[in-house]
N, C-alpha and C. Protein backbone atom coordinates (compact mmCIF):
# COMPACT_ATOMS: atom_id res chain seq x y z
N MET A 1 0.85 -1.19 0.00
CA MET A 1 0.00 0.00 0.00
C MET A 1 0.88 1.24 0.00
N GLY A 2 0.59 2.20 -0.89
CA GLY A 2 1.40 3.40 -1.02
C GLY A 2 1.14 4.40 0.09
N ASN A 3 1.92 5.46 0.07
CA ASN A 3 1.76 6.53 1.05
C ASN A 3 0.50 7.34 0.78
N LEU A 4 -0.01 7.96 1.83
CA LEU A 4 -1.15 8.87 1.69
C LEU A 4 -0.63 10.22 1.22
N ILE A 5 -1.15 10.70 0.10
CA ILE A 5 -0.72 11.97 -0.46
C ILE A 5 -1.94 12.88 -0.63
N VAL A 6 -1.85 14.10 -0.10
CA VAL A 6 -2.85 15.12 -0.36
C VAL A 6 -2.16 16.26 -1.09
N THR A 7 -2.62 16.58 -2.29
CA THR A 7 -2.08 17.72 -3.02
C THR A 7 -3.08 18.86 -2.94
N ILE A 8 -2.56 20.06 -2.79
CA ILE A 8 -3.41 21.24 -2.69
C ILE A 8 -2.98 22.28 -3.71
N SER A 9 -3.87 22.55 -4.65
CA SER A 9 -3.70 23.66 -5.57
C SER A 9 -4.60 24.77 -5.06
N ARG A 10 -4.24 26.01 -5.32
CA ARG A 10 -5.05 27.08 -4.72
C ARG A 10 -4.95 28.38 -5.49
N GLU A 11 -6.06 29.13 -5.43
CA GLU A 11 -6.05 30.49 -5.93
C GLU A 11 -5.26 31.35 -4.95
N PHE A 12 -4.59 32.36 -5.45
CA PHE A 12 -3.81 33.23 -4.59
C PHE A 12 -4.73 33.95 -3.61
N GLY A 13 -4.39 33.84 -2.33
CA GLY A 13 -5.17 34.52 -1.30
C GLY A 13 -6.35 33.71 -0.79
N SER A 14 -6.48 32.47 -1.23
CA SER A 14 -7.62 31.66 -0.80
C SER A 14 -7.39 30.96 0.54
N GLY A 15 -6.15 31.01 1.03
CA GLY A 15 -5.84 30.34 2.29
C GLY A 15 -5.41 28.90 2.11
N GLY A 16 -5.11 28.50 0.88
CA GLY A 16 -4.74 27.12 0.60
C GLY A 16 -3.52 26.63 1.35
N ARG A 17 -2.52 27.51 1.48
CA ARG A 17 -1.31 27.10 2.20
C ARG A 17 -1.62 26.84 3.67
N LYS A 18 -2.44 27.69 4.27
CA LYS A 18 -2.82 27.49 5.67
C LYS A 18 -3.60 26.19 5.84
N VAL A 19 -4.46 25.91 4.89
CA VAL A 19 -5.22 24.67 4.94
C VAL A 19 -4.26 23.48 4.91
N GLY A 20 -3.28 23.54 4.03
CA GLY A 20 -2.31 22.46 3.92
C GLY A 20 -1.49 22.28 5.18
N GLU A 21 -1.03 23.38 5.75
CA GLU A 21 -0.23 23.31 6.97
C GLU A 21 -1.02 22.69 8.12
N LEU A 22 -2.27 23.14 8.30
CA LEU A 22 -3.10 22.64 9.40
C LEU A 22 -3.46 21.18 9.18
N LEU A 23 -3.75 20.82 7.94
CA LEU A 23 -4.09 19.44 7.63
C LEU A 23 -2.91 18.51 7.93
N ALA A 24 -1.72 18.90 7.50
CA ALA A 24 -0.53 18.08 7.75
C ALA A 24 -0.29 17.91 9.24
N LEU A 25 -0.50 18.99 9.99
CA LEU A 25 -0.33 18.93 11.44
C LEU A 25 -1.29 17.94 12.07
N GLN A 26 -2.54 17.98 11.64
CA GLN A 26 -3.56 17.10 12.22
C GLN A 26 -3.39 15.65 11.77
N LEU A 27 -2.85 15.46 10.56
CA LEU A 27 -2.61 14.10 10.08
C LEU A 27 -1.26 13.57 10.55
N ASN A 28 -0.47 14.47 11.14
CA ASN A 28 0.88 14.12 11.62
C ASN A 28 1.76 13.60 10.48
N VAL A 29 1.75 14.34 9.36
CA VAL A 29 2.58 14.00 8.21
C VAL A 29 3.35 15.25 7.79
N PRO A 30 4.45 15.10 7.05
CA PRO A 30 5.21 16.26 6.60
C PRO A 30 4.41 17.16 5.67
N PHE A 31 4.71 18.45 5.74
CA PHE A 31 4.09 19.45 4.86
C PHE A 31 5.17 20.02 3.96
N TYR A 32 4.90 20.04 2.65
CA TYR A 32 5.89 20.54 1.70
C TYR A 32 5.32 21.65 0.84
N ASP A 33 5.98 22.77 0.85
CA ASP A 33 5.63 23.89 -0.03
C ASP A 33 6.95 24.50 -0.49
N LYS A 34 7.39 25.54 0.18
CA LYS A 34 8.65 26.18 -0.18
C LYS A 34 9.85 25.28 0.12
N GLU A 35 9.65 24.30 1.01
CA GLU A 35 10.72 23.36 1.31
C GLU A 35 11.19 22.63 0.04
N ILE A 36 10.27 22.44 -0.89
CA ILE A 36 10.60 21.75 -2.14
C ILE A 36 11.62 22.55 -2.94
N ILE A 37 11.52 23.86 -2.85
CA ILE A 37 12.46 24.73 -3.57
C ILE A 37 13.87 24.52 -3.05
N GLU A 38 14.02 24.48 -1.72
CA GLU A 38 15.34 24.31 -1.12
C GLU A 38 15.94 22.94 -1.48
N ILE A 39 15.11 21.90 -1.43
CA ILE A 39 15.59 20.57 -1.76
C ILE A 39 16.00 20.50 -3.23
N THR A 40 15.19 21.10 -4.09
CA THR A 40 15.49 21.10 -5.52
C THR A 40 16.79 21.84 -5.79
N ALA A 41 16.99 22.95 -5.10
CA ALA A 41 18.22 23.73 -5.29
C ALA A 41 19.45 22.90 -4.92
N GLU A 42 19.36 22.18 -3.83
CA GLU A 42 20.48 21.35 -3.39
C GLU A 42 20.80 20.25 -4.40
N LYS A 43 19.78 19.66 -4.97
CA LYS A 43 19.98 18.54 -5.88
C LYS A 43 20.37 18.97 -7.28
N SER A 44 19.89 20.11 -7.72
CA SER A 44 20.08 20.53 -9.10
C SER A 44 21.21 21.53 -9.32
N GLY A 45 21.59 22.25 -8.25
CA GLY A 45 22.60 23.27 -8.40
C GLY A 45 22.04 24.61 -8.84
N LEU A 46 20.73 24.66 -9.11
CA LEU A 46 20.08 25.92 -9.45
C LEU A 46 19.82 26.70 -8.17
N SER A 47 19.74 28.01 -8.27
CA SER A 47 19.53 28.81 -7.08
C SER A 47 18.07 28.74 -6.63
N PRO A 48 17.82 28.81 -5.31
CA PRO A 48 16.44 28.81 -4.82
C PRO A 48 15.64 29.97 -5.39
N GLU A 49 16.29 31.12 -5.56
CA GLU A 49 15.61 32.31 -6.08
C GLU A 49 15.12 32.06 -7.51
N PHE A 50 15.97 31.41 -8.30
CA PHE A 50 15.58 31.14 -9.69
C PHE A 50 14.42 30.15 -9.74
N ILE A 51 14.52 29.10 -8.96
CA ILE A 51 13.46 28.09 -8.96
C ILE A 51 12.13 28.70 -8.51
N ALA A 52 12.19 29.56 -7.50
CA ALA A 52 10.98 30.20 -6.99
C ALA A 52 10.34 31.12 -8.02
N SER A 53 11.17 31.73 -8.85
CA SER A 53 10.64 32.69 -9.82
C SER A 53 10.24 32.04 -11.14
N ALA A 54 10.60 30.77 -11.32
CA ALA A 54 10.34 30.10 -12.60
C ALA A 54 8.86 30.09 -12.96
N GLU A 55 8.01 29.98 -11.95
CA GLU A 55 6.57 29.93 -12.19
C GLU A 55 6.07 31.21 -12.85
N GLU A 56 6.73 32.32 -12.56
CA GLU A 56 6.29 33.61 -13.11
C GLU A 56 6.95 33.91 -14.45
N ASN A 57 7.88 33.06 -14.88
CA ASN A 57 8.62 33.34 -16.10
C ASN A 57 8.55 32.20 -17.10
N THR A 58 7.45 31.48 -17.07
CA THR A 58 7.29 30.37 -17.99
C THR A 58 7.18 30.88 -19.41
N ARG A 59 7.98 30.31 -20.28
CA ARG A 59 7.92 30.68 -21.69
C ARG A 59 6.94 29.76 -22.39
N ARG A 60 6.09 30.33 -23.22
CA ARG A 60 5.16 29.51 -24.00
C ARG A 60 5.97 28.75 -25.05
N SER A 61 5.84 27.43 -25.06
CA SER A 61 6.65 26.65 -25.98
C SER A 61 5.96 25.34 -26.33
N PHE A 62 5.59 25.19 -27.60
CA PHE A 62 5.02 23.93 -28.05
C PHE A 62 6.06 22.83 -28.00
N LEU A 63 7.32 23.19 -28.24
CA LEU A 63 8.39 22.21 -28.24
C LEU A 63 8.54 21.53 -26.89
N PHE A 64 8.29 22.26 -25.81
CA PHE A 64 8.44 21.62 -24.49
C PHE A 64 7.43 20.50 -24.32
N ASN A 65 6.22 20.71 -24.81
CA ASN A 65 5.21 19.67 -24.66
C ASN A 65 5.62 18.40 -25.39
N ILE A 66 6.29 18.54 -26.52
CA ILE A 66 6.80 17.38 -27.22
C ILE A 66 7.87 16.70 -26.38
N ALA A 67 8.76 17.52 -25.79
CA ALA A 67 9.82 16.96 -24.95
C ALA A 67 9.25 16.26 -23.74
N THR A 68 8.20 16.81 -23.18
CA THR A 68 7.57 16.21 -22.01
C THR A 68 7.03 14.83 -22.36
N ALA A 69 6.42 14.72 -23.52
CA ALA A 69 5.89 13.43 -23.94
C ALA A 69 7.02 12.42 -24.14
N SER A 70 8.20 12.91 -24.50
CA SER A 70 9.32 12.03 -24.75
C SER A 70 10.00 11.59 -23.47
N TYR A 71 9.86 12.38 -22.41
CA TYR A 71 10.51 12.08 -21.14
C TYR A 71 9.48 12.12 -20.01
N PRO A 72 8.55 11.17 -19.99
CA PRO A 72 7.43 11.22 -19.03
C PRO A 72 7.85 11.14 -17.58
N ASP A 73 9.02 10.56 -17.27
CA ASP A 73 9.43 10.43 -15.88
C ASP A 73 10.03 11.71 -15.33
N MET A 74 10.44 12.64 -16.21
CA MET A 74 10.94 13.94 -15.80
C MET A 74 12.02 13.82 -14.74
N LYS A 75 13.01 12.98 -14.95
CA LYS A 75 14.10 12.83 -13.99
C LYS A 75 15.14 13.92 -14.20
N TYR A 76 16.23 13.84 -13.46
CA TYR A 76 17.23 14.89 -13.54
C TYR A 76 17.96 14.92 -14.89
N SER A 77 17.95 13.80 -15.61
CA SER A 77 18.64 13.77 -16.89
C SER A 77 17.86 14.54 -17.93
N TYR A 78 18.48 15.55 -18.52
CA TYR A 78 17.84 16.30 -19.58
C TYR A 78 18.90 16.72 -20.57
N GLN A 79 18.50 17.09 -21.74
CA GLN A 79 19.43 17.44 -22.79
C GLN A 79 20.19 18.71 -22.44
N TYR A 80 21.40 18.81 -22.98
CA TYR A 80 22.26 19.95 -22.65
C TYR A 80 21.66 21.28 -23.08
N ASP A 81 20.81 21.26 -24.12
CA ASP A 81 20.24 22.51 -24.61
C ASP A 81 18.84 22.78 -24.05
N THR A 82 18.45 22.04 -23.02
CA THR A 82 17.15 22.28 -22.39
C THR A 82 17.13 23.67 -21.74
N PRO A 83 16.09 24.49 -22.00
CA PRO A 83 16.01 25.81 -21.37
C PRO A 83 16.10 25.71 -19.85
N ILE A 84 16.72 26.69 -19.22
CA ILE A 84 16.97 26.63 -17.79
C ILE A 84 15.68 26.56 -16.98
N THR A 85 14.61 27.22 -17.44
CA THR A 85 13.34 27.14 -16.71
C THR A 85 12.77 25.72 -16.76
N ASP A 86 13.00 25.04 -17.87
CA ASP A 86 12.53 23.66 -18.00
C ASP A 86 13.35 22.72 -17.13
N LYS A 87 14.65 23.00 -17.01
CA LYS A 87 15.51 22.21 -16.13
C LYS A 87 15.01 22.32 -14.69
N ALA A 88 14.59 23.53 -14.31
CA ALA A 88 14.07 23.73 -12.95
C ALA A 88 12.81 22.89 -12.74
N PHE A 89 11.96 22.83 -13.75
CA PHE A 89 10.74 22.04 -13.61
C PHE A 89 11.05 20.56 -13.52
N PHE A 90 11.96 20.06 -14.38
CA PHE A 90 12.35 18.66 -14.32
C PHE A 90 12.86 18.31 -12.93
N ALA A 91 13.76 19.14 -12.41
CA ALA A 91 14.38 18.88 -11.11
C ALA A 91 13.35 18.91 -9.99
N GLN A 92 12.47 19.92 -10.02
CA GLN A 92 11.46 20.04 -8.98
C GLN A 92 10.46 18.89 -9.05
N SER A 93 10.12 18.46 -10.24
CA SER A 93 9.19 17.34 -10.41
C SER A 93 9.76 16.06 -9.83
N ALA A 94 11.06 15.85 -10.04
CA ALA A 94 11.72 14.66 -9.49
C ALA A 94 11.68 14.69 -7.97
N VAL A 95 11.87 15.86 -7.39
CA VAL A 95 11.83 16.01 -5.93
C VAL A 95 10.42 15.69 -5.41
N VAL A 96 9.41 16.20 -6.08
CA VAL A 96 8.03 15.94 -5.67
C VAL A 96 7.76 14.44 -5.64
N ARG A 97 8.20 13.74 -6.67
CA ARG A 97 7.98 12.29 -6.73
C ARG A 97 8.76 11.56 -5.62
N GLU A 98 9.98 12.01 -5.39
CA GLU A 98 10.79 11.38 -4.35
C GLU A 98 10.16 11.55 -2.97
N LEU A 99 9.63 12.74 -2.70
CA LEU A 99 9.00 13.00 -1.40
C LEU A 99 7.76 12.13 -1.22
N ALA A 100 6.98 11.99 -2.29
CA ALA A 100 5.77 11.17 -2.22
C ALA A 100 6.11 9.69 -2.01
N GLU A 101 7.24 9.25 -2.57
CA GLU A 101 7.67 7.87 -2.39
C GLU A 101 8.22 7.64 -0.99
N ARG A 102 8.78 8.69 -0.40
CA ARG A 102 9.45 8.56 0.90
C ARG A 102 8.47 8.45 2.05
N ASN A 103 7.41 9.26 2.03
CA ASN A 103 6.47 9.26 3.16
C ASN A 103 5.13 9.85 2.78
N SER A 104 4.13 9.59 3.63
CA SER A 104 2.85 10.26 3.47
C SER A 104 3.08 11.75 3.69
N CYS A 105 2.34 12.59 2.97
CA CYS A 105 2.60 14.02 3.09
C CYS A 105 1.48 14.85 2.46
N VAL A 106 1.55 16.15 2.74
CA VAL A 106 0.69 17.15 2.10
C VAL A 106 1.59 18.04 1.27
N ILE A 107 1.28 18.19 -0.01
CA ILE A 107 2.10 19.00 -0.92
C ILE A 107 1.25 20.11 -1.51
N VAL A 108 1.75 21.33 -1.41
CA VAL A 108 1.05 22.49 -1.97
C VAL A 108 1.71 22.90 -3.29
N GLY A 109 0.90 23.04 -4.34
CA GLY A 109 1.40 23.54 -5.61
C GLY A 109 2.34 22.59 -6.32
N ARG A 110 3.26 23.18 -7.11
CA ARG A 110 4.33 22.46 -7.84
C ARG A 110 3.80 21.42 -8.82
N CYS A 111 2.56 21.60 -9.30
CA CYS A 111 1.94 20.66 -10.23
C CYS A 111 1.88 19.25 -9.66
N ALA A 112 1.90 19.14 -8.34
CA ALA A 112 1.90 17.81 -7.71
C ALA A 112 0.63 17.04 -8.03
N ASP A 113 -0.49 17.73 -8.19
CA ASP A 113 -1.74 17.04 -8.52
C ASP A 113 -1.62 16.30 -9.84
N TYR A 114 -0.87 16.85 -10.77
CA TYR A 114 -0.65 16.20 -12.07
C TYR A 114 0.44 15.14 -11.99
N LEU A 115 1.55 15.49 -11.37
CA LEU A 115 2.70 14.59 -11.30
C LEU A 115 2.38 13.29 -10.55
N LEU A 116 1.51 13.39 -9.54
CA LEU A 116 1.22 12.23 -8.69
C LEU A 116 -0.17 11.66 -8.94
N ARG A 117 -0.76 12.01 -10.06
CA ARG A 117 -2.15 11.66 -10.32
C ARG A 117 -2.42 10.16 -10.34
N ASP A 118 -1.39 9.36 -10.60
CA ASP A 118 -1.59 7.92 -10.67
C ASP A 118 -1.33 7.20 -9.35
N GLU A 119 -1.01 7.95 -8.30
CA GLU A 119 -0.80 7.34 -6.99
C GLU A 119 -2.09 6.69 -6.50
N GLU A 120 -1.97 5.58 -5.81
CA GLU A 120 -3.15 4.84 -5.36
C GLU A 120 -3.90 5.57 -4.25
N ARG A 121 -3.15 6.15 -3.31
CA ARG A 121 -3.78 6.78 -2.13
C ARG A 121 -3.55 8.29 -2.17
N ILE A 122 -4.25 8.94 -3.09
CA ILE A 122 -4.08 10.38 -3.26
C ILE A 122 -5.43 11.08 -3.25
N LEU A 123 -5.46 12.29 -2.69
CA LEU A 123 -6.63 13.16 -2.76
C LEU A 123 -6.14 14.50 -3.29
N ARG A 124 -6.67 14.92 -4.43
CA ARG A 124 -6.25 16.16 -5.07
C ARG A 124 -7.29 17.25 -4.80
N VAL A 125 -6.87 18.29 -4.11
CA VAL A 125 -7.78 19.33 -3.64
C VAL A 125 -7.47 20.67 -4.31
N PHE A 126 -8.51 21.41 -4.64
CA PHE A 126 -8.34 22.78 -5.15
C PHE A 126 -9.07 23.72 -4.20
N ILE A 127 -8.37 24.76 -3.76
CA ILE A 127 -8.95 25.74 -2.82
C ILE A 127 -9.25 27.05 -3.54
N THR A 128 -10.47 27.51 -3.40
CA THR A 128 -10.90 28.77 -4.00
C THR A 128 -11.53 29.64 -2.91
N ALA A 129 -11.86 30.89 -3.25
CA ALA A 129 -12.53 31.79 -2.30
C ALA A 129 -13.08 32.98 -3.08
N LYS A 130 -13.98 33.70 -2.46
CA LYS A 130 -14.51 34.91 -3.08
C LYS A 130 -13.39 35.92 -3.27
N HIS A 131 -13.51 36.71 -4.33
CA HIS A 131 -12.46 37.69 -4.65
C HIS A 131 -12.23 38.67 -3.51
N GLU A 132 -13.30 39.14 -2.90
CA GLU A 132 -13.14 40.12 -1.81
C GLU A 132 -12.43 39.52 -0.60
N ASP A 133 -12.67 38.25 -0.35
CA ASP A 133 -11.99 37.59 0.77
C ASP A 133 -10.51 37.35 0.47
N ARG A 134 -10.21 37.07 -0.77
CA ARG A 134 -8.82 36.91 -1.18
C ARG A 134 -8.09 38.25 -1.08
N MET A 135 -8.76 39.30 -1.50
CA MET A 135 -8.18 40.65 -1.38
C MET A 135 -7.85 40.95 0.08
N LYS A 136 -8.79 40.68 0.96
CA LYS A 136 -8.61 40.97 2.38
C LYS A 136 -7.44 40.19 2.95
N ARG A 137 -7.33 38.91 2.58
CA ARG A 137 -6.27 38.07 3.13
C ARG A 137 -4.88 38.56 2.70
N ILE A 138 -4.69 38.88 1.44
CA ILE A 138 -3.36 39.27 1.00
C ILE A 138 -2.98 40.66 1.51
N ILE A 139 -3.98 41.49 1.80
CA ILE A 139 -3.70 42.81 2.38
C ILE A 139 -3.30 42.66 3.85
N GLU A 140 -4.08 41.87 4.59
CA GLU A 140 -3.86 41.74 6.03
C GLU A 140 -2.73 40.78 6.39
N GLU A 141 -2.59 39.71 5.63
CA GLU A 141 -1.61 38.68 6.00
C GLU A 141 -0.31 38.74 5.19
N TYR A 142 -0.41 39.20 3.94
CA TYR A 142 0.78 39.23 3.09
C TYR A 142 1.39 40.61 2.98
N GLY A 143 0.70 41.62 3.50
CA GLY A 143 1.24 42.97 3.47
C GLY A 143 1.16 43.65 2.11
N VAL A 144 0.29 43.16 1.23
CA VAL A 144 0.11 43.79 -0.07
C VAL A 144 -0.73 45.06 0.10
N GLU A 145 -0.32 46.14 -0.53
CA GLU A 145 -1.08 47.39 -0.43
C GLU A 145 -2.43 47.23 -1.13
N GLU A 146 -3.44 47.87 -0.56
CA GLU A 146 -4.80 47.72 -1.08
C GLU A 146 -4.90 48.06 -2.56
N LYS A 147 -4.19 49.10 -2.98
CA LYS A 147 -4.26 49.54 -4.37
C LYS A 147 -3.65 48.52 -5.33
N ASP A 148 -2.80 47.64 -4.80
CA ASP A 148 -2.13 46.66 -5.64
C ASP A 148 -2.73 45.26 -5.54
N ALA A 149 -3.67 45.07 -4.62
CA ALA A 149 -4.17 43.72 -4.32
C ALA A 149 -4.83 43.04 -5.51
N ALA A 150 -5.72 43.74 -6.18
CA ALA A 150 -6.45 43.12 -7.29
C ALA A 150 -5.50 42.71 -8.41
N SER A 151 -4.56 43.57 -8.75
CA SER A 151 -3.63 43.24 -9.83
C SER A 151 -2.68 42.11 -9.42
N LYS A 152 -2.33 42.05 -8.13
CA LYS A 152 -1.47 40.98 -7.63
C LYS A 152 -2.16 39.63 -7.74
N ILE A 153 -3.43 39.60 -7.39
CA ILE A 153 -4.21 38.36 -7.50
C ILE A 153 -4.28 37.91 -8.96
N LYS A 154 -4.60 38.85 -9.84
CA LYS A 154 -4.74 38.54 -11.26
C LYS A 154 -3.42 38.03 -11.84
N LYS A 155 -2.32 38.69 -11.50
CA LYS A 155 -1.01 38.32 -12.03
C LYS A 155 -0.58 36.94 -11.53
N THR A 156 -0.79 36.69 -10.22
CA THR A 156 -0.36 35.42 -9.64
C THR A 156 -1.17 34.26 -10.18
N ASP A 157 -2.48 34.43 -10.26
CA ASP A 157 -3.33 33.36 -10.80
C ASP A 157 -3.00 33.09 -12.27
N LYS A 158 -2.74 34.15 -13.02
CA LYS A 158 -2.41 34.00 -14.43
C LYS A 158 -1.10 33.23 -14.59
N ALA A 159 -0.12 33.54 -13.73
CA ALA A 159 1.17 32.85 -13.80
C ALA A 159 1.01 31.37 -13.47
N ARG A 160 0.20 31.05 -12.46
CA ARG A 160 -0.02 29.65 -12.09
C ARG A 160 -0.73 28.90 -13.21
N ALA A 161 -1.70 29.56 -13.84
CA ALA A 161 -2.42 28.93 -14.94
C ALA A 161 -1.49 28.68 -16.12
N SER A 162 -0.65 29.65 -16.44
CA SER A 162 0.29 29.52 -17.55
C SER A 162 1.30 28.42 -17.28
N TYR A 163 1.81 28.36 -16.05
CA TYR A 163 2.80 27.36 -15.66
C TYR A 163 2.21 25.96 -15.78
N THR A 164 0.99 25.80 -15.28
CA THR A 164 0.32 24.50 -15.33
C THR A 164 0.05 24.07 -16.77
N ARG A 165 -0.46 24.99 -17.57
CA ARG A 165 -0.78 24.66 -18.97
C ARG A 165 0.49 24.31 -19.74
N HIS A 166 1.55 25.06 -19.49
CA HIS A 166 2.82 24.87 -20.21
C HIS A 166 3.44 23.51 -19.93
N TYR A 167 3.45 23.12 -18.65
CA TYR A 167 4.16 21.91 -18.26
C TYR A 167 3.30 20.66 -18.18
N THR A 168 2.00 20.79 -18.16
CA THR A 168 1.15 19.61 -18.05
C THR A 168 0.14 19.48 -19.18
N GLY A 169 -0.14 20.58 -19.88
CA GLY A 169 -1.15 20.56 -20.91
C GLY A 169 -2.56 20.61 -20.35
N GLU A 170 -2.66 20.78 -19.02
CA GLU A 170 -3.97 20.82 -18.36
C GLU A 170 -4.35 22.26 -18.00
N GLU A 171 -5.65 22.47 -17.78
CA GLU A 171 -6.13 23.78 -17.37
C GLU A 171 -6.09 23.90 -15.85
N TRP A 172 -5.39 24.88 -15.35
CA TRP A 172 -5.26 25.12 -13.91
C TRP A 172 -6.65 25.37 -13.31
N GLY A 173 -6.96 24.67 -12.23
CA GLY A 173 -8.25 24.86 -11.56
C GLY A 173 -9.39 24.07 -12.14
N SER A 174 -9.13 23.30 -13.20
CA SER A 174 -10.19 22.52 -13.82
C SER A 174 -10.76 21.50 -12.84
N ILE A 175 -12.07 21.44 -12.75
CA ILE A 175 -12.71 20.50 -11.82
C ILE A 175 -12.34 19.06 -12.13
N ARG A 176 -12.19 18.73 -13.39
CA ARG A 176 -11.91 17.33 -13.75
C ARG A 176 -10.53 16.87 -13.31
N ASN A 177 -9.66 17.80 -12.93
CA ASN A 177 -8.31 17.44 -12.49
C ASN A 177 -8.17 17.38 -10.98
N HIS A 178 -9.31 17.52 -10.27
CA HIS A 178 -9.27 17.49 -8.81
C HIS A 178 -10.40 16.62 -8.26
N ASP A 179 -10.15 16.05 -7.11
CA ASP A 179 -11.15 15.20 -6.46
C ASP A 179 -12.10 16.01 -5.59
N LEU A 180 -11.62 17.18 -5.16
CA LEU A 180 -12.38 17.97 -4.20
C LEU A 180 -12.08 19.45 -4.41
N VAL A 181 -13.11 20.26 -4.51
CA VAL A 181 -12.95 21.72 -4.62
C VAL A 181 -13.63 22.36 -3.42
N ILE A 182 -12.90 23.21 -2.70
CA ILE A 182 -13.42 23.81 -1.47
C ILE A 182 -13.34 25.33 -1.55
N ASN A 183 -14.44 25.98 -1.18
CA ASN A 183 -14.50 27.44 -1.12
C ASN A 183 -14.33 27.87 0.33
N THR A 184 -13.17 28.44 0.66
CA THR A 184 -12.91 28.82 2.04
C THR A 184 -13.72 30.02 2.49
N SER A 185 -14.34 30.74 1.56
CA SER A 185 -15.25 31.80 1.97
C SER A 185 -16.48 31.20 2.65
N PHE A 186 -16.77 29.96 2.31
CA PHE A 186 -17.90 29.24 2.89
C PHE A 186 -17.48 28.42 4.11
N THR A 187 -16.35 27.73 4.02
CA THR A 187 -15.95 26.81 5.09
C THR A 187 -14.99 27.43 6.11
N GLY A 188 -14.22 28.44 5.70
CA GLY A 188 -13.12 28.91 6.52
C GLY A 188 -11.97 27.91 6.42
N VAL A 189 -10.82 28.26 6.96
CA VAL A 189 -9.66 27.37 6.89
C VAL A 189 -9.90 26.10 7.69
N ASP A 190 -10.36 26.25 8.94
CA ASP A 190 -10.61 25.07 9.79
C ASP A 190 -11.64 24.15 9.17
N GLY A 191 -12.69 24.74 8.63
CA GLY A 191 -13.74 23.94 8.01
C GLY A 191 -13.23 23.20 6.78
N ALA A 192 -12.34 23.84 6.02
CA ALA A 192 -11.78 23.20 4.84
C ALA A 192 -10.99 21.95 5.24
N VAL A 193 -10.25 22.06 6.33
CA VAL A 193 -9.48 20.91 6.82
C VAL A 193 -10.42 19.78 7.20
N GLU A 194 -11.52 20.10 7.87
CA GLU A 194 -12.48 19.07 8.26
C GLU A 194 -13.12 18.41 7.04
N VAL A 195 -13.40 19.20 6.00
CA VAL A 195 -13.98 18.64 4.78
C VAL A 195 -13.00 17.66 4.13
N ILE A 196 -11.72 18.03 4.09
CA ILE A 196 -10.71 17.16 3.50
C ILE A 196 -10.59 15.86 4.30
N LYS A 197 -10.59 15.98 5.62
CA LYS A 197 -10.48 14.77 6.45
C LYS A 197 -11.71 13.88 6.27
N ALA A 198 -12.87 14.49 6.10
CA ALA A 198 -14.10 13.71 5.88
C ALA A 198 -13.99 12.96 4.55
N ALA A 199 -13.45 13.62 3.54
CA ALA A 199 -13.28 12.97 2.24
C ALA A 199 -12.28 11.81 2.34
N LEU A 200 -11.22 12.01 3.12
CA LEU A 200 -10.24 10.94 3.32
C LEU A 200 -10.85 9.75 4.04
N ARG A 201 -11.71 10.03 4.99
CA ARG A 201 -12.38 8.94 5.71
C ARG A 201 -13.35 8.21 4.77
N THR A 202 -14.06 8.96 3.94
CA THR A 202 -15.00 8.36 3.01
C THR A 202 -14.31 7.38 2.08
N ARG A 203 -13.07 7.71 1.71
CA ARG A 203 -12.31 6.84 0.81
C ARG A 203 -11.47 5.83 1.60
N SER A 204 -11.69 5.78 2.91
CA SER A 204 -10.96 4.85 3.79
C SER A 204 -9.46 5.05 3.74
N LEU A 205 -9.04 6.31 3.55
CA LEU A 205 -7.62 6.64 3.53
C LEU A 205 -7.09 7.00 4.93
N ILE A 206 -8.01 7.40 5.81
CA ILE A 206 -7.69 7.59 7.22
C ILE A 206 -8.87 7.06 8.03
N LYS A 207 -8.64 6.87 9.33
CA LYS A 207 -9.73 6.39 10.19
C LYS A 207 -10.48 7.56 10.80
């Protein structure tokens, strides 16, 4: 029997990271988000800053999709002329798979819902929220100025959508790519965690 994996994709400002952190704490499993960047940097030799920014600098490329089909395992081995942003994705993808093989865990972002989609014991979650609630969260918790909040949300969501489409060929946030979609404007962060645990119990993934 494989490890229990919960992947969380989220709209910017929806509270998805908090949901993931609290869920991991209650399930007593490791939580991975920015930690993946540090591990990838150590293994690949790329800087953490570059890896972190790669999501915002994805180049549109039909050729990459062909390369992806040719190298489905996305391991560290890649051609010498592979674009540096693609090398970062290959390296980070390998880390995501290694972490999932090592232990049960909660993983936020990093296309983990796509990379681990064939795992036997996985629940893929997407977190959304009302626009006004997302605005409030990034202003109060992230320190974004009110005048910049709306554009920050739009830019971040657009970057995540572009990154997902570029590297997986899938539409970011698509219902068909997730097992569970939760609106934290309705449930709150604590409620979202309870909904996820209820879904895990329904599938007999936890007691």
